[in-house]
Protein backbone atom coordinates (compact mmCIF):
# COMPACT_ATOMS: atom_id res chain seq x y z
CA MET A 1 -3.26 34.50 -25.76
CA GLN A 2 -1.03 34.80 -22.67
CA HIS A 3 0.09 31.70 -20.77
CA LYS A 4 1.96 33.05 -17.74
CA ILE A 5 1.44 32.77 -14.01
CA HIS A 6 2.92 35.27 -11.57
CA SER A 7 3.00 34.51 -7.84
CA PRO A 8 4.13 36.76 -4.97
CA TRP A 9 7.46 35.78 -3.38
CA TRP A 10 5.87 34.77 -0.08
CA HIS A 11 3.67 32.21 -1.83
CA PHE A 12 6.66 29.89 -2.18
CA PHE A 13 7.07 29.66 1.62
CA ILE A 14 3.49 28.68 2.47
CA PRO A 15 3.35 25.05 3.71
CA LYS A 16 1.28 22.73 1.56
CA LEU A 17 -0.79 21.86 4.65
CA TYR A 18 -2.15 25.42 4.71
CA THR A 19 -2.93 25.23 1.00
CA VAL A 20 -4.78 21.94 1.45
CA LEU A 21 -6.84 23.21 4.39
CA LYS A 22 -7.66 26.41 2.50
CA GLU A 23 -8.89 24.38 -0.48
CA GLY A 24 -11.21 22.45 1.84
CA TYR A 25 -10.38 19.24 3.69
CA SER A 26 -13.15 16.64 3.49
CA PHE A 27 -13.83 13.45 5.42
CA SER A 28 -13.09 11.37 2.32
CA LEU A 29 -9.63 12.95 2.15
CA PHE A 30 -9.09 12.23 5.84
CA ARG A 31 -10.11 8.61 5.38
CA ALA A 32 -7.63 8.18 2.51
CA ASP A 33 -4.88 9.93 4.48
CA ALA A 34 -5.56 7.85 7.60
CA LEU A 35 -5.24 4.57 5.70
CA ALA A 36 -2.05 5.75 3.98
CA GLY A 37 -0.63 7.03 7.29
CA LEU A 38 -1.25 3.65 8.93
CA THR A 39 0.39 1.82 6.04
CA VAL A 40 3.46 4.05 6.10
CA ALA A 41 3.73 3.78 9.91
CA ILE A 42 3.76 -0.02 9.64
CA VAL A 43 6.65 0.26 7.16
CA ALA A 44 8.47 2.98 9.12
CA ILE A 45 8.50 1.42 12.62
CA PRO A 46 10.92 -1.47 11.96
CA LEU A 47 12.87 0.67 9.49
CA ALA A 48 13.37 3.51 11.99
CA MET A 49 14.68 1.10 14.63
CA ALA A 50 17.00 -0.57 12.13
CA LEU A 51 18.38 2.77 10.94
CA GLY A 52 18.94 3.89 14.53
CA ILE A 53 21.02 0.79 15.25
CA ALA A 54 22.91 0.99 11.93
CA SER A 55 23.81 4.61 12.69
CA GLY A 56 25.66 3.58 15.83
CA THR A 57 22.98 4.56 18.33
CA THR A 58 19.85 2.88 19.77
CA PRO A 59 16.56 1.92 18.11
CA ASP A 60 14.51 4.39 20.15
CA LYS A 61 16.48 7.28 18.59
CA GLY A 62 15.23 6.24 15.19
CA LEU A 63 11.63 6.11 16.45
CA ILE A 64 11.93 9.54 18.10
CA THR A 65 13.23 10.96 14.82
CA ALA A 66 10.35 9.43 12.87
CA VAL A 67 7.83 10.92 15.31
CA ILE A 68 9.17 14.46 15.78
CA ALA A 69 10.78 15.13 12.40
CA GLY A 70 8.21 13.10 10.49
CA PHE A 71 5.35 15.18 11.90
CA LEU A 72 7.04 18.55 11.29
CA ILE A 73 8.28 17.74 7.77
CA SER A 74 4.72 16.94 6.70
CA ALA A 75 3.15 19.86 8.59
CA LEU A 76 5.58 22.58 7.50
CA GLY A 77 7.07 21.29 4.23
CA GLY A 78 6.41 22.23 0.65
CA SER A 79 5.20 18.85 -0.61
CA ARG A 80 1.71 17.38 -0.32
CA VAL A 81 2.83 13.79 0.19
CA GLN A 82 6.41 13.89 1.49
CA ILE A 83 7.17 11.47 4.35
CA GLY A 84 10.14 12.42 6.54
CA GLY A 85 12.26 10.56 9.05
CA PRO A 86 15.64 8.83 9.37
CA THR A 87 17.00 7.53 6.08
CA GLY A 88 19.76 5.29 4.82
CA ALA A 89 21.68 8.22 3.35
CA PHE A 90 22.45 9.48 6.85
CA VAL A 91 23.74 6.19 8.24
CA VAL A 92 27.34 6.75 7.17
CA VAL A 93 27.47 10.38 8.27
CA VAL A 94 25.74 9.81 11.61
CA TYR A 95 27.93 6.82 12.44
CA ASN A 96 31.12 8.78 11.75
CA VAL A 97 29.97 11.81 13.76
CA ILE A 98 29.10 9.63 16.77
CA GLN A 99 32.43 7.81 16.56
CA ASN A 100 34.41 11.06 16.41
CA HIS A 101 32.34 13.46 18.54
CA GLY A 102 29.94 11.37 20.61
CA TYR A 103 26.15 11.43 20.50
CA ASP A 104 25.98 14.91 21.98
CA GLY A 105 28.16 16.04 19.07
CA LEU A 106 25.62 14.56 16.64
CA LEU A 107 22.80 16.46 18.36
CA ILE A 108 24.68 19.77 18.07
CA ALA A 109 25.61 19.11 14.42
CA THR A 110 22.00 18.21 13.57
CA LEU A 111 20.68 21.36 15.24
CA MET A 112 23.21 23.47 13.31
CA ALA A 113 22.25 21.69 10.09
CA GLY A 114 18.62 22.56 10.75
CA VAL A 115 19.48 26.24 11.04
CA MET A 116 21.49 26.02 7.80
CA LEU A 117 18.51 24.50 6.00
CA VAL A 118 16.16 27.23 7.22
CA VAL A 119 18.62 29.89 6.04
CA ALA A 120 19.04 28.08 2.71
CA GLY A 121 15.27 27.96 2.24
CA PHE A 122 14.69 31.65 2.97
CA SER A 123 17.69 32.45 0.75
CA ARG A 124 15.87 30.63 -2.07
CA LEU A 125 18.60 28.07 -2.56
CA GLY A 126 16.07 25.28 -3.10
CA ASN A 127 16.42 25.63 -6.85
CA TRP A 128 20.12 24.83 -6.61
CA ILE A 129 19.33 21.12 -6.59
CA LYS A 130 19.47 21.30 -10.40
CA PHE A 131 23.23 21.94 -10.22
CA ILE A 132 23.91 18.44 -8.83
CA PRO A 133 24.34 16.25 -11.93
CA GLN A 134 22.55 12.91 -12.18
CA PRO A 135 25.78 10.82 -12.41
CA VAL A 136 26.98 12.32 -9.09
CA ILE A 137 23.66 11.63 -7.34
CA THR A 138 23.53 8.08 -8.68
CA GLY A 139 27.18 7.38 -7.79
CA PHE A 140 27.00 8.50 -4.17
CA THR A 141 23.58 6.91 -3.58
CA ALA A 142 24.88 3.57 -4.85
CA GLY A 143 27.99 4.00 -2.70
CA ILE A 144 25.89 4.59 0.41
CA ALA A 145 23.94 1.43 -0.41
CA VAL A 146 27.17 -0.61 -0.45
CA ILE A 147 28.26 0.87 2.88
CA ILE A 148 24.89 0.12 4.51
CA PHE A 149 25.01 -3.45 3.19
CA SER A 150 28.51 -3.90 4.59
CA SER A 151 27.55 -2.50 7.99
CA GLN A 152 24.92 -5.24 8.43
CA ILE A 153 27.22 -8.21 7.95
CA LYS A 154 28.00 -8.44 11.70
CA ASP A 155 24.36 -8.74 12.81
CA PHE A 156 23.26 -10.73 9.76
CA PHE A 157 25.69 -13.55 10.61
CA GLY A 158 25.74 -12.95 14.37
CA LEU A 159 29.49 -12.31 14.39
CA GLU A 160 31.17 -11.45 17.68
CA VAL A 161 32.94 -8.19 16.91
CA GLU A 162 33.75 -5.76 19.70
CA LYS A 163 33.98 -2.69 17.47
CA VAL A 164 33.34 -2.37 13.74
CA PRO A 165 35.85 -0.05 11.98
CA GLY A 166 34.55 2.86 9.94
CA LEU A 167 36.67 2.32 6.81
CA PHE A 168 35.25 -0.06 4.22
CA LEU A 169 38.25 -2.36 3.71
CA ASP A 170 39.10 -2.45 7.42
CA LYS A 171 35.52 -3.43 8.15
CA TRP A 172 35.64 -6.44 5.85
CA MET A 173 38.99 -7.54 7.23
CA VAL A 174 37.51 -7.54 10.75
CA PHE A 175 34.47 -9.49 9.55
CA TRP A 176 36.70 -12.08 7.93
CA GLY A 177 38.76 -12.35 11.09
CA ALA A 178 35.61 -13.05 13.12
CA LYS A 179 34.22 -15.68 10.75
CA ASP A 180 34.68 -18.46 13.30
CA SER A 181 32.20 -16.76 15.64
CA LEU A 182 29.34 -17.11 13.13
CA ASN A 183 26.00 -17.74 14.87
CA LEU A 184 24.10 -20.36 12.87
CA PHE A 185 20.74 -19.45 14.42
CA ALA A 186 21.17 -15.76 13.59
CA THR A 187 22.26 -16.59 10.05
CA ILE A 188 19.27 -18.86 9.42
CA LEU A 189 16.93 -16.28 10.94
CA ALA A 190 18.40 -13.49 8.80
CA MET A 191 18.39 -15.55 5.59
CA GLY A 192 14.84 -16.73 6.25
CA SER A 193 13.71 -13.14 6.91
CA LEU A 194 15.40 -11.94 3.73
CA ILE A 195 13.72 -14.62 1.60
CA PHE A 196 10.42 -13.97 3.38
CA ILE A 197 10.57 -10.22 2.66
CA VAL A 198 11.52 -10.71 -1.00
CA ALA A 199 8.77 -13.32 -1.50
CA LEU A 200 6.09 -11.14 0.10
CA ARG A 201 7.12 -8.13 -2.01
CA ARG A 202 7.06 -10.26 -5.12
CA PHE A 203 3.79 -12.16 -4.64
CA PHE A 204 1.88 -10.13 -2.03
CA PRO A 205 3.09 -6.52 -2.45
CA GLN A 206 0.08 -5.17 -0.56
CA LEU A 207 1.27 -6.78 2.71
CA PRO A 208 3.74 -5.00 5.09
CA ALA A 209 6.73 -7.26 4.47
CA PHE A 210 9.10 -5.57 6.96
CA LEU A 211 6.64 -5.67 9.85
CA MET A 212 5.57 -9.25 9.15
CA ALA A 213 9.21 -10.39 9.05
CA VAL A 214 9.79 -8.70 12.42
CA ILE A 215 6.69 -10.33 13.96
CA VAL A 216 7.45 -13.83 12.66
CA SER A 217 11.14 -13.74 13.66
CA SER A 218 10.38 -12.26 17.10
CA ALA A 219 7.81 -14.99 17.71
CA ALA A 220 10.39 -17.61 16.75
CA VAL A 221 12.90 -16.13 19.21
CA LEU A 222 10.27 -15.98 21.99
CA PHE A 223 8.81 -19.47 21.62
CA PHE A 224 11.96 -21.40 20.67
CA HIS A 225 14.35 -19.44 22.92
CA LEU A 226 16.82 -18.98 20.07
CA PRO A 227 20.31 -17.89 21.22
CA VAL A 228 20.49 -14.69 19.15
CA VAL A 229 21.06 -11.04 20.00
CA THR A 230 17.81 -9.07 20.33
CA ILE A 231 16.97 -5.42 20.93
CA GLY A 232 16.29 -6.28 24.57
CA SER A 233 19.61 -8.08 25.15
CA ALA A 234 21.61 -5.40 23.29
CA PHE A 235 19.85 -2.18 24.34
CA GLY A 236 17.39 -3.03 27.10
CA GLU A 237 13.68 -2.22 27.04
CA LEU A 238 12.75 0.71 24.83
CA PRO A 239 11.19 3.81 26.45
CA SER A 240 7.42 4.15 26.08
CA HIS A 241 7.36 7.95 25.89
CA LEU A 242 9.13 10.89 24.31
CA PRO A 243 11.83 12.59 26.40
CA MET A 244 11.44 16.20 27.47
CA PRO A 245 13.08 18.66 25.04
CA ALA A 246 16.48 20.00 26.09
CA LEU A 247 19.59 21.51 24.55
CA PRO A 248 22.48 19.08 23.89
CA GLU A 249 25.23 18.82 26.49
CA ASN A 250 28.51 20.69 25.98
CA PHE A 251 26.77 23.20 23.71
CA SER A 252 29.31 25.97 23.10
CA VAL A 253 30.74 28.14 20.35
CA ALA A 254 33.96 26.12 20.32
CA ARG A 255 31.97 22.91 19.92
CA MET A 256 29.95 24.45 17.09
CA VAL A 257 33.11 25.46 15.24
CA GLU A 258 34.47 21.93 15.65
CA LEU A 259 31.25 20.37 14.32
CA PHE A 260 30.65 22.82 11.46
CA PRO A 261 31.90 20.46 8.69
CA SER A 262 29.68 17.64 9.98
CA ALA A 263 26.69 20.00 10.23
CA PHE A 264 27.24 21.20 6.67
CA THR A 265 27.36 17.60 5.41
CA ILE A 266 24.11 16.77 7.22
CA ALA A 267 22.41 19.90 5.86
CA PHE A 268 23.66 19.19 2.34
CA LEU A 269 22.44 15.59 2.40
CA ALA A 270 19.10 16.53 3.95
CA GLY A 271 18.52 19.19 1.30
CA ILE A 272 19.52 16.95 -1.59
CA GLU A 273 17.51 13.89 -0.54
CA SER A 274 14.40 15.81 0.52
CA LEU A 275 14.19 17.71 -2.77
CA LEU A 276 14.91 14.58 -4.80
CA SER A 277 12.13 12.79 -2.94
CA ALA A 278 9.79 15.73 -3.57
CA VAL A 279 10.61 15.65 -7.29
CA VAL A 280 9.85 11.90 -7.42
CA ALA A 281 6.54 12.57 -5.64
CA ASP A 282 5.70 15.37 -8.10
CA GLY A 283 6.03 12.96 -10.99
CA MET A 284 3.67 10.47 -9.34
CA ILE A 285 0.90 12.91 -8.30
CA ASP A 286 1.34 15.40 -11.16
CA ARG A 287 1.86 18.32 -8.77
CA ARG A 288 4.65 20.80 -8.00
CA HIS A 289 6.32 21.08 -4.61
CA ARG A 290 7.66 24.35 -3.17
CA SER A 291 11.37 23.66 -2.90
CA ASN A 292 12.31 26.57 -0.64
CA CYS A 293 9.39 25.93 1.70
CA GLU A 294 10.47 22.28 1.79
CA LEU A 295 13.97 23.31 2.90
CA VAL A 296 12.51 25.50 5.65
CA GLY A 297 10.30 22.64 6.86
CA GLN A 298 13.24 20.23 6.80
CA GLY A 299 15.30 22.76 8.74
CA ILE A 300 12.71 23.22 11.50
CA ALA A 301 12.35 19.43 11.77
CA ASN A 302 16.12 19.02 12.14
CA ILE A 303 16.18 21.72 14.83
CA ALA A 304 13.41 20.00 16.78
CA SER A 305 14.61 16.40 16.43
CA PRO A 306 17.90 16.79 18.40
CA LEU A 307 16.08 18.73 21.15
CA PHE A 308 14.19 15.47 21.85
CA GLY A 309 17.32 13.34 21.40
CA GLY A 310 16.60 12.36 17.81
CA MET A 311 18.83 12.01 14.75
CA PRO A 312 18.95 13.93 11.44
CA ALA A 313 15.95 13.51 9.18
CA THR A 314 14.99 14.17 5.60
CA GLY A 315 12.42 13.18 3.01
CA ALA A 316 12.36 9.40 2.57
CA ILE A 317 11.78 8.40 -1.05
CA ALA A 318 10.63 4.82 -0.36
CA ARG A 319 8.17 5.84 2.39
CA THR A 320 6.92 8.75 0.26
CA VAL A 321 6.23 6.38 -2.63
CA THR A 322 4.47 4.00 -0.21
CA ASN A 323 2.34 6.90 1.01
CA ILE A 324 1.29 7.80 -2.54
CA ARG A 325 0.56 4.22 -3.56
CA SER A 326 -1.48 3.75 -0.37
CA GLY A 327 -3.73 6.65 -1.29
CA GLY A 328 -2.17 9.53 0.67
CA LYS A 329 -3.42 12.84 -0.71
CA THR A 330 -2.30 15.57 1.70
CA PRO A 331 0.32 16.29 4.40
CA VAL A 332 -2.14 14.94 6.97
CA SER A 333 -1.13 11.37 6.03
CA GLY A 334 2.48 12.09 7.02
CA MET A 335 1.39 13.72 10.27
CA LEU A 336 -0.82 10.72 11.10
CA HIS A 337 2.05 8.34 10.34
CA ALA A 338 4.12 10.11 13.00
CA VAL A 339 1.26 10.02 15.53
CA LEU A 340 0.75 6.29 14.94
CA ILE A 341 4.45 5.58 15.51
CA LEU A 342 4.20 7.47 18.80
CA LEU A 343 1.20 5.37 19.83
CA ALA A 344 3.16 2.22 18.99
CA MET A 345 6.00 3.45 21.23
CA VAL A 346 3.57 4.08 24.09
CA PHE A 347 1.70 0.79 23.97
CA LEU A 348 3.97 -1.74 22.25
CA SER A 349 7.52 -0.88 23.35
CA PRO A 350 7.92 -3.93 25.68
CA LEU A 351 7.33 -6.26 22.72
CA ALA A 352 10.24 -4.68 20.81
CA SER A 353 12.69 -6.37 23.21
CA TYR A 354 12.17 -9.67 21.36
CA ILE A 355 13.11 -8.32 17.92
CA PRO A 356 16.35 -10.01 16.77
CA LEU A 357 19.05 -7.78 15.32
CA ALA A 358 19.49 -10.33 12.53
CA VAL A 359 16.08 -9.54 11.04
CA LEU A 360 16.75 -5.80 11.23
CA ALA A 361 19.99 -6.46 9.35
CA ALA A 362 17.99 -8.30 6.67
CA ILE A 363 15.61 -5.33 6.42
CA LEU A 364 18.49 -2.91 5.93
CA MET A 365 20.01 -5.14 3.28
CA VAL A 366 16.74 -4.85 1.36
CA VAL A 367 16.88 -1.07 1.88
CA ALA A 368 20.46 -1.04 0.57
CA TRP A 369 19.43 -2.99 -2.51
CA ASN A 370 16.58 -0.54 -3.18
CA MET A 371 19.02 2.37 -2.76
CA SER A 372 21.58 0.91 -5.12
CA GLU A 373 20.03 2.59 -8.17
CA GLN A 374 20.56 -0.41 -10.48
CA GLU A 375 18.13 0.90 -13.10
CA LYS A 376 19.67 4.37 -13.13
CA ILE A 377 23.17 2.88 -13.30
CA ARG A 378 22.20 0.77 -16.31
CA HIS A 379 20.58 3.80 -17.90
CA LEU A 380 23.63 6.02 -17.31
CA LEU A 381 25.91 3.38 -18.82
CA LYS A 382 24.32 4.44 -22.12
CA ALA A 383 25.40 8.05 -21.49
CA PRO A 384 28.65 9.56 -22.85
CA PHE A 385 31.84 8.02 -21.48
CA GLY A 386 32.78 11.08 -19.43
CA GLU A 387 29.54 10.95 -17.44
CA GLN A 388 30.05 7.26 -16.80
CA ILE A 389 33.50 8.08 -15.36
CA VAL A 390 32.00 10.77 -13.09
CA MET A 391 29.49 8.24 -11.73
CA VAL A 392 32.13 5.56 -11.12
CA ILE A 393 34.59 7.93 -9.42
CA THR A 394 31.84 9.30 -7.16
CA PHE A 395 30.83 5.76 -6.24
CA VAL A 396 34.40 4.65 -5.45
CA LEU A 397 35.15 7.75 -3.36
CA THR A 398 31.89 7.34 -1.43
CA VAL A 399 32.74 3.76 -0.50
CA ALA A 400 36.49 4.04 0.03
CA VAL A 401 37.08 7.62 1.21
CA ASP A 402 34.31 9.96 2.35
CA LEU A 403 30.85 11.01 1.21
CA THR A 404 31.59 14.75 1.28
CA VAL A 405 34.79 14.29 -0.71
CA ALA A 406 32.93 12.13 -3.20
CA ILE A 407 30.26 14.76 -3.85
CA GLU A 408 32.80 17.58 -4.09
CA VAL A 409 35.00 15.69 -6.54
CA GLY A 410 31.99 14.45 -8.53
CA VAL A 411 30.53 17.94 -8.97
CA VAL A 412 33.92 19.41 -9.92
CA LEU A 413 34.54 16.63 -12.47
CA ALA A 414 31.05 17.11 -13.91
CA ALA A 415 31.66 20.86 -14.19
CA ILE A 416 34.99 20.30 -15.96
CA LEU A 417 33.34 17.80 -18.29
CA PHE A 418 30.57 20.27 -19.04
CA MET A 419 33.04 23.08 -19.74
CA HIS A 420 34.89 20.79 -22.12
CA GLN A 421 31.64 19.95 -23.92
CA MET A 422 30.71 23.62 -24.08
CA SER A 423 34.08 24.50 -25.58
CA GLN A 424 33.31 22.14 -28.45
CA HIS A 425 30.11 24.01 -29.27
CA THR A 426 30.76 27.68 -28.55
CA LYS A 427 30.65 28.54 -32.25
CA PHE A 428 26.97 27.61 -32.31
CA VAL A 429 25.97 29.83 -29.37
CA GLU A 430 25.25 33.46 -30.20
CA ASP A 431 22.42 34.14 -27.75
CA ASP A 432 22.03 37.23 -25.59
CA PHE A 433 18.50 36.38 -24.52
CA ASP A 434 16.84 33.95 -22.10
CA ASP A 435 17.10 30.23 -22.69
CA PHE A 436 13.40 30.09 -23.49
CA GLU A 437 11.80 32.67 -25.83
CA GLN A 438 8.16 32.29 -26.81
CA ARG A 439 7.57 32.83 -30.54
CA TYR A 440 4.12 33.81 -31.66
CA LYS A 441 4.40 34.31 -35.41
CA SER A 442 2.86 37.47 -36.80
CA GLY A 443 1.87 38.26 -40.34
CA SER A 444 1.64 35.28 -42.66
CA VAL A 445 2.11 32.57 -40.04
CA ASP A 446 -0.07 32.79 -36.90
CA LEU A 447 -0.23 29.95 -34.43
CA PRO A 448 -3.90 29.06 -33.90
CA ASP A 449 -5.57 28.85 -30.50
CA GLY A 450 -4.51 25.74 -28.61
CA VAL A 451 -0.98 25.77 -30.06
CA VAL A 452 2.12 27.33 -28.48
CA GLY A 453 5.67 27.47 -29.77
CA TYR A 454 8.89 27.85 -27.81
CA ARG A 455 12.49 28.15 -28.96
CA LEU A 456 15.12 26.55 -26.73
CA ARG A 457 18.50 28.32 -26.89
CA GLY A 458 21.77 26.88 -25.64
CA PRO A 459 22.79 23.48 -24.27
CA LEU A 460 20.28 21.36 -22.37
CA PHE A 461 22.32 20.16 -19.38
CA PHE A 462 22.04 19.56 -15.64
CA GLY A 463 22.01 23.29 -14.87
CA VAL A 464 19.03 24.34 -16.98
CA GLY A 465 16.98 21.19 -17.54
CA SER A 466 14.43 21.99 -14.82
CA ARG A 467 13.44 25.21 -16.62
CA LEU A 468 12.11 23.10 -19.48
CA ILE A 469 9.79 21.33 -17.03
CA ASP A 470 8.71 24.67 -15.53
CA VAL A 471 7.45 25.90 -18.93
CA VAL A 472 4.70 23.31 -19.28
CA GLU A 473 3.66 23.76 -15.63
CA GLN A 474 3.12 27.50 -16.18
CA LEU A 475 0.83 27.05 -19.18
CA ASN A 476 -2.78 27.58 -18.12
CA PRO A 477 -4.86 26.42 -19.85
CA ALA A 478 -2.77 23.61 -21.29
CA PRO A 479 -2.47 23.81 -25.10
CA LYS A 480 -3.37 21.01 -27.49
CA ILE A 481 -0.02 21.16 -29.28
CA PHE A 482 3.39 22.30 -28.03
CA ILE A 483 6.07 23.06 -30.67
CA LEU A 484 9.58 23.00 -29.16
CA ARG A 485 12.19 24.41 -31.55
CA MET A 486 15.62 22.95 -30.75
CA GLY A 487 17.72 24.30 -33.60
CA LEU A 488 19.82 26.33 -31.15
CA VAL A 489 20.51 23.40 -28.78
CA PRO A 490 24.04 22.29 -29.73
CA MET A 491 24.45 19.65 -27.02
CA MET A 492 22.61 17.69 -24.36
CA ASP A 493 23.77 15.53 -21.43
CA ALA A 494 22.11 12.69 -19.49
CA SER A 495 20.43 15.11 -17.08
CA GLY A 496 19.07 17.08 -20.06
CA GLU A 497 17.70 13.86 -21.51
CA ALA A 498 16.04 13.10 -18.17
CA SER A 499 14.50 16.59 -18.10
CA LEU A 500 13.23 16.25 -21.67
CA ARG A 501 11.78 12.84 -20.84
CA THR A 502 10.01 14.30 -17.80
CA PHE A 503 8.77 17.24 -19.88
CA LEU A 504 7.29 14.89 -22.49
CA ASP A 505 5.71 12.75 -19.78
CA ARG A 506 4.12 15.81 -18.14
CA CYS A 507 2.76 16.92 -21.52
CA ARG A 508 1.37 13.44 -22.18
CA LYS A 509 -0.46 13.44 -18.83
CA LYS A 510 -1.94 16.86 -19.63
CA GLY A 511 -3.03 15.71 -23.09
CA VAL A 512 -0.52 17.98 -24.85
CA PHE A 513 0.98 16.67 -28.11
CA VAL A 514 4.62 17.75 -28.59
CA ILE A 515 6.45 18.45 -31.86
CA LEU A 516 10.25 18.65 -31.56
CA SER A 517 11.76 20.48 -34.51
CA ASN A 518 15.32 21.09 -35.74
CA VAL A 519 16.93 18.61 -33.31
CA GLN A 520 20.69 18.78 -33.90
CA ALA A 521 23.06 15.87 -34.39
CA GLN A 522 24.53 15.50 -30.87
CA PRO A 523 21.19 15.71 -29.00
CA LYS A 524 19.61 13.31 -31.51
CA ARG A 525 22.44 10.78 -31.06
CA LEU A 526 22.10 10.98 -27.27
CA LEU A 527 18.29 10.65 -27.37
CA SER A 528 18.64 7.64 -29.66
CA ARG A 529 21.33 6.02 -27.49
CA MET A 530 19.28 6.46 -24.31
CA GLY A 531 16.11 5.10 -25.90
CA LEU A 532 13.89 8.18 -25.92
CA LEU A 533 13.41 8.24 -29.69
CA GLU A 534 12.03 4.70 -29.53
CA GLU A 535 8.96 6.18 -27.81
CA GLU A 536 8.18 8.59 -30.68
CA GLY A 537 4.63 8.40 -31.94
CA ALA A 538 1.65 8.84 -29.66
CA ALA A 539 3.00 11.58 -27.37
CA PHE A 540 5.52 13.40 -29.59
CA VAL A 541 7.10 13.49 -33.06
CA LEU A 542 10.26 14.90 -34.61
CA ALA A 543 10.06 17.53 -37.33
CA VAL A 544 12.93 18.25 -39.72
CA ASP A 545 12.45 22.01 -39.47
CA TYR A 546 9.91 24.61 -38.41
CA GLN A 547 7.95 24.43 -41.67
CA ASP A 548 7.70 20.68 -41.24
CA ALA A 549 6.49 21.26 -37.67
CA LEU A 550 3.75 23.61 -38.93
CA SER A 551 2.62 21.00 -41.44
CA MET A 552 2.46 18.37 -38.67
CA MET A 553 0.50 20.83 -36.56
CA GLN A 554 -2.09 21.33 -39.29
CA LYS A 555 -2.50 17.59 -39.78
CA ARG A 556 -2.85 17.07 -36.04
CA LEU A 557 -5.50 19.78 -35.71
CA SER A 558 -7.49 18.34 -38.60
CA LEU A 559 -7.84 14.92 -36.90
């Protein structure tokens, strides 16, 4: 029995929207997508304005980005439920580019980044996400969270600071120097909004906490005439329409050469975050995104956004999760979310003038906390010491030096660590074949129908872990039992453990029982340390060797 699926190369560049429409789009799907789109729009409106301000520009730039890029990412991307727009990961990069090159420089860099993403997608570089180790991703994401939190101190306490420095330590020194200018009304408003948001999320998670905090605080400012800085007093009334598309000013070859490093950083971040968000969405809806198509969609969105004056955009994990939990089924929900934000700009923009910056600071502090990856940090602290060091160094460099430097150093350190680990196990690796080789026994031992066996060769690490997940996705129909022989897996890292955990979870959802046989000492120690072996029982079991696995198979089939 053959369990392989072959698709033509062009299939991987077809947007999921086309696939959905071809399958048949019903009114019930539209109703579910419309409700999810409305829910996500309610979350995205205050968040887009807050991210625009935090990035060193104006709130309308964040809304424009959510409308233009959000619509195109959903319409042209490779995920069914991805929601795009401005995200916290870009705050640091965008702020630095504006400070050094002006807003027109940001527009040029974003446009260039969009072209890079399109080229990367058609070059099939979407699969390269697997070469970014988990400790590096966790370290720089947590570092960005700390930077975003720090950037909101001025507005949270209403401090009078003429210009906030870019460097982390300098920023806090300026804040401390301006402590006497603390605005008590702004502080109370921000603290109250923060408590309000946390309480709503804890006790009434179905309510739009961000939007309700904005409405309540704006009403307080309007009726009690509180002396706090608002969007209206800081930026004037927001525009009620989209600007006409146009090329950025000072667009030239010399300017492009100057902005190339910034454009590469934007493209790199957009690619990383969008694909990570798509992977998270896959796990929640039990589907597979098209990574290269997603990069192309992200690229087109980042070409279009600066033409309308918008900022860089990428897949937003929190808004994507909100979309899924609200019942979003297809890319139409993301497209509707963008349309609804546009309608809010057209009809409600005058009301935005009353929104206090203090409440937007509170919202971004919540965003920073959600980005801080506390659970992943705690989980990685159980990993080998070297991977813990990689995470910590990446975090420190992100906060104290530069995001690009942090990622570069983190990846290099992870590669060196991996090479060291490999050098300790080279005597076990004598494999000239693919990492995965299907073994159907002939002669005396035949695997019965409904059972498949695979042998995993070589180390299970951040570079090959995704191939393990691909195996179960390609099995059609899904087997009853999956025997994974791991006798030739000499070592495993934290990313390999995460891939194995995802593989087992996918099998469990498909009703596939897994037997892991011949697990060596180092992988078994790691799986035990990181808690995976505690879950043995209902979804998978460990077999001492292949004969033991066959015995377990027979017992399982006889149930």
